Amino acid sequence: MNQQAMAFGLDLKGKVAVVLGASAEGGTGWAIAETLARNGADVVVAARSLPPLERLAERIGGAAFRCDAGVEADIKALGVFALERYGRVDIAVNSAGLPVMGMISEMTQTLLDDATRVNFHGPTFFIKYMAEAIGSNGSIIFISSMSTTHPVMPHIAYAAAKSAADCIVRYAAIEYGPRNIRVNSILPGPINSDMAKEAFADPDFERAYAREIPVGRVGLPDDFANAVLWLAGPSYVSGLNLQVNGGNQLTRMPRPDELAKGADSYGSGKALGDR
């Protein structure tokens, strides 16, 4: 896709940001980290895979930290690392996600545990420990999914876990509001990132998604990075599950049978922006 997302600017000089789930080059978390750094923030990038994080950190002049997005102790340590490295945290973004697949008839305890560990427990602990690191006056954001409001088969466990985390956002906004910590989530639709380029290489596959989106194209990582940048600034917004999908929330997601040769990739989770 040649069309690029329009850049949105904000002065973040003197601010420190943490971005979890940023190891996939060309992915949403990667773009978020680059955008925050480009606008002046010092950025700590985190994920399970350290080598690509170190490349990103060098590229943006930030710091890398290995962190499993579903492990409480790792998330707590991430907040401690950011404070030790930069002395403060102002912005915290959780872009990690595990797209567990399966219909209800196929569901197992292991699949449910995997889905909730990363997509529900992880965001909850992320809010807890990033709020501790921020102290007061900051913004916490996590990347959810449009599949929480518009069924996408067979993303049942993934969508349900993300829905639970969206609910936590509203409770967190009330709990941390007195400290002027704003908590929000972003609900992307399909994302044409490097991780999904194989699926979107099929023009029929991309058209099936694009025709359901009023602006006429699927999302790019920069679209969601710009939304994060806006929420990271002095916006008067908290407790919001923000639909960022070109108006796709007004229509529907395509069915697997409408995706032609890309139907297998649709089931893999990559079209949803596997981060």
C-alpha atoms as a PDB file:
ATOM      1  CA  MET A   1       0.000   0.000   0.000  1.00  0.00           C
ATOM      2  CA  ASN A   2       1.495   3.360  -1.029  1.00  0.00           C
ATOM      3  CA  GLN A   3      -0.734   5.657   0.961  1.00  0.00           C
ATOM      4  CA  GLN A   4       0.926   6.641   4.238  1.00  0.00           C
ATOM      5  CA  ALA A   5      -0.538   7.843   7.499  1.00  0.00           C
ATOM      6  CA  MET A   6      -0.264  11.579   8.071  1.00  0.00           C
ATOM      7  CA  ALA A   7       2.160  12.494  10.855  1.00  0.00           C
ATOM      8  CA  PHE A   8       0.847  14.179  13.971  1.00  0.00           C
ATOM      9  CA  GLY A   9       3.254  16.257  16.067  1.00  0.00           C
ATOM     10  CA  LEU A  10       3.524  16.835  19.815  1.00  0.00           C
ATOM     11  CA  ASP A  11       6.391  18.162  21.929  1.00  0.00           C
ATOM     12  CA  LEU A  12       7.408  15.374  24.345  1.00  0.00           C
ATOM     13  CA  LYS A  13      10.843  16.701  25.247  1.00  0.00           C
ATOM     14  CA  GLY A  14      11.674  15.832  28.842  1.00  0.00           C
ATOM     15  CA  LYS A  15       9.086  13.032  28.901  1.00  0.00           C
ATOM     16  CA  VAL A  16       9.843   9.338  29.348  1.00  0.00           C
ATOM     17  CA  ALA A  17       7.790   6.628  27.647  1.00  0.00           C
ATOM     18  CA  VAL A  18       7.662   2.861  28.082  1.00  0.00           C
ATOM     19  CA  VAL A  19       6.482   0.749  25.126  1.00  0.00           C
ATOM     20  CA  LEU A  20       5.846  -2.953  25.730  1.00  0.00           C
ATOM     21  CA  GLY A  21       5.460  -5.213  22.689  1.00  0.00           C
ATOM     22  CA  ALA A  22       7.863  -3.371  20.387  1.00  0.00           C
ATOM     23  CA  SER A  23      10.139  -6.100  19.008  1.00  0.00           C
ATOM     24  CA  ALA A  24       8.457  -6.669  15.622  1.00  0.00           C
ATOM     25  CA  GLU A  25      10.181  -4.397  13.116  1.00  0.00           C
ATOM     26  CA  GLY A  26       7.544  -2.595  11.072  1.00  0.00           C
ATOM     27  CA  GLY A  27       4.829  -3.529  13.572  1.00  0.00           C
ATOM     28  CA  THR A  28       2.538  -1.345  15.649  1.00  0.00           C
ATOM     29  CA  GLY A  29       4.661  -1.299  18.812  1.00  0.00           C
ATOM     30  CA  TRP A  30       7.775  -0.480  16.791  1.00  0.00           C
ATOM     31  CA  ALA A  31       5.995   2.447  15.085  1.00  0.00           C
ATOM     32  CA  ILE A  32       4.689   3.715  18.434  1.00  0.00           C
ATOM     33  CA  ALA A  33       8.193   3.752  19.912  1.00  0.00           C
ATOM     34  CA  GLU A  34       9.618   5.538  16.863  1.00  0.00           C
ATOM     35  CA  THR A  35       6.838   8.129  16.904  1.00  0.00           C
ATOM     36  CA  LEU A  36       7.206   8.917  20.601  1.00  0.00           C
ATOM     37  CA  ALA A  37      10.987   9.224  20.214  1.00  0.00           C
ATOM     38  CA  ARG A  38      10.670  11.364  17.089  1.00  0.00           C
ATOM     39  CA  ASN A  39       8.530  13.767  19.106  1.00  0.00           C
ATOM     40  CA  GLY A  40      11.173  14.131  21.803  1.00  0.00           C
ATOM     41  CA  ALA A  41      10.493  11.411  24.397  1.00  0.00           C
ATOM     42  CA  ASP A  42      13.113   9.131  25.889  1.00  0.00           C
ATOM     43  CA  VAL A  43      11.745   5.645  25.219  1.00  0.00           C
ATOM     44  CA  VAL A  44      12.211   2.304  26.949  1.00  0.00           C
ATOM     45  CA  VAL A  45      11.230  -0.519  24.587  1.00  0.00           C
ATOM     46  CA  ALA A  46      10.356  -3.954  25.931  1.00  0.00           C
ATOM     47  CA  ALA A  47       9.361  -7.425  24.725  1.00  0.00           C
ATOM     48  CA  ARG A  48      10.483 -11.041  25.106  1.00  0.00           C
ATOM     49  CA  SER A  49      12.932 -10.903  22.208  1.00  0.00           C
ATOM     50  CA  LEU A  50      15.911  -8.726  23.096  1.00  0.00           C
ATOM     51  CA  PRO A  51      18.021  -8.518  19.876  1.00  0.00           C
ATOM     52  CA  PRO A  52      15.433  -6.609  17.787  1.00  0.00           C
ATOM     53  CA  LEU A  53      14.667  -4.406  20.811  1.00  0.00           C
ATOM     54  CA  GLU A  54      18.331  -3.470  21.038  1.00  0.00           C
ATOM     55  CA  ARG A  55      18.328  -2.511  17.340  1.00  0.00           C
ATOM     56  CA  LEU A  56      15.253  -0.344  17.896  1.00  0.00           C
ATOM     57  CA  ALA A  57      16.705   1.247  21.032  1.00  0.00           C
ATOM     58  CA  GLU A  58      19.884   2.147  19.160  1.00  0.00           C
ATOM     59  CA  ARG A  59      17.850   3.550  16.294  1.00  0.00           C
ATOM     60  CA  ILE A  60      15.773   5.857  18.528  1.00  0.00           C
ATOM     61  CA  GLY A  61      18.353   6.597  21.206  1.00  0.00           C
ATOM     62  CA  GLY A  62      16.390   4.730  23.871  1.00  0.00           C
ATOM     63  CA  ALA A  63      16.849   1.699  26.116  1.00  0.00           C
ATOM     64  CA  ALA A  64      15.856  -1.957  25.712  1.00  0.00           C
ATOM     65  CA  PHE A  65      14.541  -4.301  28.409  1.00  0.00           C
ATOM     66  CA  ARG A  66      13.504  -7.927  28.137  1.00  0.00           C
ATOM     67  CA  CYS A  67       9.952  -8.385  29.450  1.00  0.00           C
ATOM     68  CA  ASP A  68       7.335 -11.116  29.045  1.00  0.00           C
ATOM     69  CA  ALA A  69       4.041  -9.241  28.682  1.00  0.00           C
ATOM     70  CA  GLY A  70       2.196 -11.974  30.590  1.00  0.00           C
ATOM     71  CA  VAL A  71       4.486 -12.229  33.629  1.00  0.00           C
ATOM     72  CA  GLU A  72       3.771  -9.944  36.588  1.00  0.00           C
ATOM     73  CA  ALA A  73       7.344  -9.917  37.899  1.00  0.00           C
ATOM     74  CA  ASP A  74       8.692  -8.903  34.469  1.00  0.00           C
ATOM     75  CA  ILE A  75       6.226  -6.032  34.172  1.00  0.00           C
ATOM     76  CA  LYS A  76       7.070  -4.800  37.663  1.00  0.00           C
ATOM     77  CA  ALA A  77      10.781  -4.969  36.810  1.00  0.00           C
ATOM     78  CA  LEU A  78      10.137  -2.959  33.641  1.00  0.00           C
ATOM     79  CA  GLY A  79       8.796  -0.054  35.683  1.00  0.00           C
ATOM     80  CA  VAL A  80      11.776  -0.236  38.039  1.00  0.00           C
ATOM     81  CA  PHE A  81      14.208  -0.296  35.091  1.00  0.00           C
ATOM     82  CA  ALA A  82      12.620   2.789  33.497  1.00  0.00           C
ATOM     83  CA  LEU A  83      12.849   4.722  36.761  1.00  0.00           C
ATOM     84  CA  GLU A  84      16.444   3.690  37.345  1.00  0.00           C
ATOM     85  CA  ARG A  85      17.416   4.601  33.774  1.00  0.00           C
ATOM     86  CA  TYR A  86      15.562   7.897  33.358  1.00  0.00           C
ATOM     87  CA  GLY A  87      14.246   8.873  36.801  1.00  0.00           C
ATOM     88  CA  ARG A  88      10.607   9.145  35.738  1.00  0.00           C
ATOM     89  CA  VAL A  89       7.839   7.661  33.587  1.00  0.00           C
ATOM     90  CA  ASP A  90       5.185   9.833  31.920  1.00  0.00           C
ATOM     91  CA  ILE A  91       3.724   7.607  29.200  1.00  0.00           C
ATOM     92  CA  ALA A  92       3.231   3.834  29.210  1.00  0.00           C
ATOM     93  CA  VAL A  93       1.980   1.881  26.192  1.00  0.00           C
ATOM     94  CA  ASN A  94       1.228  -1.849  26.098  1.00  0.00           C
ATOM     95  CA  SER A  95       1.142  -3.011  22.480  1.00  0.00           C
ATOM     96  CA  ALA A  96       1.627  -6.701  23.256  1.00  0.00           C
ATOM     97  CA  GLY A  97      -0.941  -9.274  22.200  1.00  0.00           C
ATOM     98  CA  LEU A  98      -1.261 -13.027  21.755  1.00  0.00           C
ATOM     99  CA  PRO A  99      -3.867 -13.977  19.095  1.00  0.00           C
ATOM    100  CA  VAL A 100      -4.995 -17.341  20.485  1.00  0.00           C
ATOM    101  CA  MET A 101      -7.166 -19.121  17.904  1.00  0.00           C
ATOM    102  CA  GLY A 102     -10.033 -21.556  18.382  1.00  0.00           C
ATOM    103  CA  MET A 103     -13.806 -21.913  18.357  1.00  0.00           C
ATOM    104  CA  ILE A 104     -15.710 -22.450  21.611  1.00  0.00           C
ATOM    105  CA  SER A 105     -16.122 -26.121  20.656  1.00  0.00           C
ATOM    106  CA  GLU A 106     -12.324 -26.382  20.441  1.00  0.00           C
ATOM    107  CA  MET A 107     -11.497 -24.407  23.582  1.00  0.00           C
ATOM    108  CA  THR A 108      -9.239 -25.891  26.258  1.00  0.00           C
ATOM    109  CA  GLN A 109      -8.031 -24.671  29.625  1.00  0.00           C
ATOM    110  CA  THR A 110      -4.570 -24.148  28.145  1.00  0.00           C
ATOM    111  CA  LEU A 111      -5.870 -21.961  25.317  1.00  0.00           C
ATOM    112  CA  LEU A 112      -7.925 -19.843  27.722  1.00  0.00           C
ATOM    113  CA  ASP A 113      -4.987 -19.512  30.098  1.00  0.00           C
ATOM    114  CA  ASP A 114      -2.697 -18.418  27.252  1.00  0.00           C
ATOM    115  CA  ALA A 115      -5.204 -15.853  26.018  1.00  0.00           C
ATOM    116  CA  THR A 116      -5.895 -14.294  29.406  1.00  0.00           C
ATOM    117  CA  ARG A 117      -2.276 -14.321  30.591  1.00  0.00           C
ATOM    118  CA  VAL A 118      -1.077 -11.928  27.886  1.00  0.00           C
ATOM    119  CA  ASN A 119      -4.290 -10.171  26.834  1.00  0.00           C
ATOM    120  CA  PHE A 120      -5.970  -9.603  30.218  1.00  0.00           C
ATOM    121  CA  HIS A 121      -3.639 -10.315  33.141  1.00  0.00           C
ATOM    122  CA  GLY A 122      -0.768  -8.543  31.377  1.00  0.00           C
ATOM    123  CA  PRO A 123      -2.609  -5.247  30.748  1.00  0.00           C
ATOM    124  CA  THR A 124      -3.972  -5.278  34.297  1.00  0.00           C
ATOM    125  CA  PHE A 125      -0.513  -5.653  35.823  1.00  0.00           C
ATOM    126  CA  PHE A 126       0.835  -3.153  33.295  1.00  0.00           C
ATOM    127  CA  ILE A 127      -1.613  -0.534  34.547  1.00  0.00           C
ATOM    128  CA  LYS A 128      -0.770  -1.359  38.179  1.00  0.00           C
ATOM    129  CA  TYR A 129       3.002  -1.087  37.880  1.00  0.00           C
ATOM    130  CA  MET A 130       3.157   1.706  35.328  1.00  0.00           C
ATOM    131  CA  ALA A 131       0.857   3.799  37.534  1.00  0.00           C
ATOM    132  CA  GLU A 132       3.305   3.173  40.386  1.00  0.00           C
ATOM    133  CA  ALA A 133       6.194   4.307  38.177  1.00  0.00           C
ATOM    134  CA  ILE A 134       4.333   7.382  36.921  1.00  0.00           C
ATOM    135  CA  GLY A 135       3.182   8.462  40.367  1.00  0.00           C
ATOM    136  CA  SER A 136       1.043  11.318  39.051  1.00  0.00           C
ATOM    137  CA  ASN A 137       0.348  13.212  35.819  1.00  0.00           C
ATOM    138  CA  GLY A 138       0.695  10.687  33.031  1.00  0.00           C
ATOM    139  CA  SER A 139      -0.959   8.516  30.426  1.00  0.00           C
ATOM    140  CA  ILE A 140      -1.350   4.728  30.190  1.00  0.00           C
ATOM    141  CA  ILE A 141      -2.531   3.240  26.892  1.00  0.00           C
ATOM    142  CA  PHE A 142      -2.903  -0.287  25.649  1.00  0.00           C
ATOM    143  CA  ILE A 143      -3.675  -1.649  22.204  1.00  0.00           C
ATOM    144  CA  SER A 144      -6.859  -3.703  22.248  1.00  0.00           C
ATOM    145  CA  SER A 145      -8.752  -4.946  19.166  1.00  0.00           C
ATOM    146  CA  MET A 146     -11.875  -4.264  17.152  1.00  0.00           C
ATOM    147  CA  SER A 147     -12.597  -7.980  17.555  1.00  0.00           C
ATOM    148  CA  THR A 148     -13.886  -7.104  21.058  1.00  0.00           C
ATOM    149  CA  THR A 149     -16.895  -5.369  19.494  1.00  0.00           C
ATOM    150  CA  HIS A 150     -17.122  -7.050  16.067  1.00  0.00           C
ATOM    151  CA  PRO A 151     -16.802 -10.854  16.101  1.00  0.00           C
ATOM    152  CA  VAL A 152     -13.895 -12.202  14.061  1.00  0.00           C
ATOM    153  CA  MET A 153     -13.882 -15.980  13.915  1.00  0.00           C
ATOM    154  CA  PRO A 154     -12.058 -17.816  15.405  1.00  0.00           C
ATOM    155  CA  HIS A 155     -10.587 -15.137  17.729  1.00  0.00           C
ATOM    156  CA  ILE A 156     -12.952 -15.983  20.584  1.00  0.00           C
ATOM    157  CA  ALA A 157     -10.492 -16.346  23.482  1.00  0.00           C
ATOM    158  CA  TYR A 158      -8.345 -13.445  22.272  1.00  0.00           C
ATOM    159  CA  ALA A 159     -11.319 -11.097  21.880  1.00  0.00           C
ATOM    160  CA  ALA A 160     -12.858 -12.069  25.225  1.00  0.00           C
ATOM    161  CA  ALA A 161      -9.577 -11.454  27.057  1.00  0.00           C
ATOM    162  CA  LYS A 162      -9.084  -8.103  25.332  1.00  0.00           C
ATOM    163  CA  SER A 163     -12.686  -7.189  26.230  1.00  0.00           C
ATOM    164  CA  ALA A 164     -11.926  -7.852  29.892  1.00  0.00           C
ATOM    165  CA  ALA A 165      -8.902  -5.555  29.680  1.00  0.00           C
ATOM    166  CA  ASP A 166     -11.069  -2.868  28.040  1.00  0.00           C
ATOM    167  CA  CYS A 167     -13.329  -3.102  31.085  1.00  0.00           C
ATOM    168  CA  ILE A 168     -10.325  -2.683  33.405  1.00  0.00           C
ATOM    169  CA  VAL A 169      -9.492   0.562  31.559  1.00  0.00           C
ATOM    170  CA  ARG A 170     -12.725   2.132  32.803  1.00  0.00           C
ATOM    171  CA  TYR A 171     -12.111   1.072  36.401  1.00  0.00           C
ATOM    172  CA  ALA A 172      -8.498   2.247  36.205  1.00  0.00           C
ATOM    173  CA  ALA A 173      -9.565   5.663  34.919  1.00  0.00           C
ATOM    174  CA  ILE A 174     -11.636   6.099  38.089  1.00  0.00           C
ATOM    175  CA  GLU A 175      -8.994   4.688  40.438  1.00  0.00           C
ATOM    176  CA  TYR A 176      -6.079   6.725  39.074  1.00  0.00           C
ATOM    177  CA  GLY A 177      -7.979   9.823  37.958  1.00  0.00           C
ATOM    178  CA  PRO A 178      -7.319  11.662  41.255  1.00  0.00           C
ATOM    179  CA  ARG A 179      -3.591  11.363  40.453  1.00  0.00           C
ATOM    180  CA  ASN A 180      -4.207  12.752  36.957  1.00  0.00           C
ATOM    181  CA  ILE A 181      -3.209   9.477  35.342  1.00  0.00           C
ATOM    182  CA  ARG A 182      -5.351   8.908  32.272  1.00  0.00           C
ATOM    183  CA  VAL A 183      -5.986   5.316  31.146  1.00  0.00           C
ATOM    184  CA  ASN A 184      -7.330   4.427  27.689  1.00  0.00           C
ATOM    185  CA  SER A 185      -7.288   1.642  25.116  1.00  0.00           C
ATOM    186  CA  ILE A 186      -7.217   1.746  21.317  1.00  0.00           C
ATOM    187  CA  LEU A 187      -9.260  -0.697  19.218  1.00  0.00           C
ATOM    188  CA  PRO A 188      -7.597  -1.197  15.815  1.00  0.00           C
ATOM    189  CA  GLY A 189      -9.169  -2.945  12.896  1.00  0.00           C
ATOM    190  CA  PRO A 190      -6.995  -4.802  10.339  1.00  0.00           C
ATOM    191  CA  ILE A 191      -3.391  -3.603  10.207  1.00  0.00           C
ATOM    192  CA  ASN A 192      -1.197  -3.827   7.119  1.00  0.00           C
ATOM    193  CA  SER A 193       2.141  -4.143   8.877  1.00  0.00           C
ATOM    194  CA  ASP A 194       5.280  -6.057   7.952  1.00  0.00           C
ATOM    195  CA  MET A 195       3.954  -8.991  10.003  1.00  0.00           C
ATOM    196  CA  ALA A 196       0.857  -9.166   7.794  1.00  0.00           C
ATOM    197  CA  LYS A 197       2.471  -8.393   4.437  1.00  0.00           C
ATOM    198  CA  GLU A 198       2.107 -11.994   3.216  1.00  0.00           C
ATOM    199  CA  ALA A 199      -1.658 -11.898   3.760  1.00  0.00           C
ATOM    200  CA  PHE A 200      -2.073  -8.430   2.269  1.00  0.00           C
ATOM    201  CA  ALA A 201       0.064  -9.310  -0.745  1.00  0.00           C
ATOM    202  CA  ASP A 202      -3.156 -10.817  -2.134  1.00  0.00           C
ATOM    203  CA  PRO A 203      -5.072  -7.785  -3.521  1.00  0.00           C
ATOM    204  CA  ASP A 204      -8.410  -9.565  -3.154  1.00  0.00           C
ATOM    205  CA  PHE A 205      -7.680 -10.116   0.528  1.00  0.00           C
ATOM    206  CA  GLU A 206      -6.912  -6.435   1.099  1.00  0.00           C
ATOM    207  CA  ARG A 207      -9.941  -5.307  -0.907  1.00  0.00           C
ATOM    208  CA  ALA A 208     -12.214  -7.520   1.197  1.00  0.00           C
ATOM    209  CA  TYR A 209     -11.166  -5.580   4.290  1.00  0.00           C
ATOM    210  CA  ALA A 210     -10.959  -2.151   2.642  1.00  0.00           C
ATOM    211  CA  ARG A 211     -14.507  -2.239   1.256  1.00  0.00           C
ATOM    212  CA  GLU A 212     -15.839  -2.479   4.815  1.00  0.00           C
ATOM    213  CA  ILE A 213     -13.867   0.602   5.920  1.00  0.00           C
ATOM    214  CA  PRO A 214     -15.452   3.992   5.137  1.00  0.00           C
ATOM    215  CA  VAL A 215     -12.107   5.740   4.481  1.00  0.00           C
ATOM    216  CA  GLY A 216     -11.332   3.024   1.915  1.00  0.00           C
ATOM    217  CA  ARG A 217      -8.103   1.499   3.219  1.00  0.00           C
ATOM    218  CA  VAL A 218      -6.855  -0.758   5.993  1.00  0.00           C
ATOM    219  CA  GLY A 219      -4.814   0.651   8.853  1.00  0.00           C
ATOM    220  CA  LEU A 220      -1.071   1.231   8.902  1.00  0.00           C
ATOM    221  CA  PRO A 221       1.121   1.119  12.022  1.00  0.00           C
ATOM    222  CA  ASP A 222       1.533   4.905  11.912  1.00  0.00           C
ATOM    223  CA  ASP A 223      -2.244   5.358  12.155  1.00  0.00           C
ATOM    224  CA  PHE A 224      -2.200   3.763  15.589  1.00  0.00           C
ATOM    225  CA  ALA A 225       1.061   5.417  16.607  1.00  0.00           C
ATOM    226  CA  ASN A 226      -0.540   8.806  15.907  1.00  0.00           C
ATOM    227  CA  ALA A 227      -3.550   7.867  18.049  1.00  0.00           C
ATOM    228  CA  VAL A 228      -1.214   6.868  20.878  1.00  0.00           C
ATOM    229  CA  LEU A 229       0.646  10.166  20.486  1.00  0.00           C
ATOM    230  CA  TRP A 230      -2.607  12.103  20.867  1.00  0.00           C
ATOM    231  CA  LEU A 231      -3.615  10.155  23.983  1.00  0.00           C
ATOM    232  CA  ALA A 232      -0.088  10.592  25.385  1.00  0.00           C
ATOM    233  CA  GLY A 233      -0.422  14.360  25.252  1.00  0.00           C
ATOM    234  CA  PRO A 234      -2.521  16.676  27.411  1.00  0.00           C
ATOM    235  CA  SER A 235      -5.849  15.349  26.137  1.00  0.00           C
ATOM    236  CA  TYR A 236      -8.899  15.536  28.413  1.00  0.00           C
ATOM    237  CA  VAL A 237      -9.694  11.868  27.774  1.00  0.00           C
ATOM    238  CA  SER A 238      -9.701   8.899  30.154  1.00  0.00           C
ATOM    239  CA  GLY A 239     -11.532   5.585  30.472  1.00  0.00           C
ATOM    240  CA  LEU A 240     -12.085   5.361  26.720  1.00  0.00           C
ATOM    241  CA  ASN A 241     -11.963   2.319  24.438  1.00  0.00           C
ATOM    242  CA  LEU A 242     -11.162   4.303  21.302  1.00  0.00           C
ATOM    243  CA  GLN A 243     -12.085   2.856  17.903  1.00  0.00           C
ATOM    244  CA  VAL A 244      -9.225   3.668  15.503  1.00  0.00           C
ATOM    245  CA  ASN A 245     -10.110   1.857  12.296  1.00  0.00           C
ATOM    246  CA  GLY A 246     -11.179   4.324   9.604  1.00  0.00           C
ATOM    247  CA  GLY A 247     -14.848   3.953  10.573  1.00  0.00           C
ATOM    248  CA  ASN A 248     -14.837   0.136  10.329  1.00  0.00           C
ATOM    249  CA  GLN A 249     -16.814   0.035  13.597  1.00  0.00           C
ATOM    250  CA  LEU A 250     -19.805   1.274  11.608  1.00  0.00           C
ATOM    251  CA  THR A 251     -19.803  -1.762   9.331  1.00  0.00           C
ATOM    252  CA  ARG A 252     -18.370  -5.242   9.901  1.00  0.00           C
ATOM    253  CA  MET A 253     -15.317  -7.427   9.394  1.00  0.00           C
ATOM    254  CA  PRO A 254     -15.275  -9.651   6.280  1.00  0.00           C
ATOM    255  CA  ARG A 255     -16.077 -13.339   6.692  1.00  0.00           C
ATOM    256  CA  PRO A 256     -13.328 -15.912   6.071  1.00  0.00           C
ATOM    257  CA  ASP A 257     -15.085 -17.098   2.900  1.00  0.00           C
ATOM    258  CA  GLU A 258     -14.856 -13.548   1.497  1.00  0.00           C
ATOM    259  CA  LEU A 259     -11.077 -13.451   1.817  1.00  0.00           C
ATOM    260  CA  ALA A 260     -10.243 -15.830  -1.063  1.00  0.00           C
ATOM    261  CA  LYS A 261      -6.641 -17.073  -0.928  1.00  0.00           C
ATOM    262  CA  GLY A 262      -5.896 -15.016   2.181  1.00  0.00           C
ATOM    263  CA  ALA A 263      -8.411 -16.887   4.322  1.00  0.00           C
ATOM    264  CA  ASP A 264      -5.687 -18.986   5.947  1.00  0.00           C
ATOM    265  CA  SER A 265      -3.808 -15.863   6.994  1.00  0.00           C
ATOM    266  CA  TYR A 266      -7.046 -14.418   8.360  1.00  0.00           C
ATOM    267  CA  GLY A 267      -7.246 -17.367  10.718  1.00  0.00           C
ATOM    268  CA  SER A 268      -3.614 -16.878  11.783  1.00  0.00           C
ATOM    269  CA  GLY A 269      -4.347 -13.558  13.453  1.00  0.00           C
ATOM    270  CA  LYS A 270      -1.858 -11.635  11.303  1.00  0.00           C
ATOM    271  CA  ALA A 271      -4.535  -9.523   9.623  1.00  0.00           C
ATOM    272  CA  LEU A 272      -5.578  -8.240  13.020  1.00  0.00           C
ATOM    273  CA  GLY A 273      -2.090  -6.901  13.595  1.00  0.00           C
ATOM    274  CA  ASP A 274      -0.363  -9.747  15.455  1.00  0.00           C
ATOM    275  CA  ARG A 275       1.985  -7.762  17.660  1.00  0.00           C
END
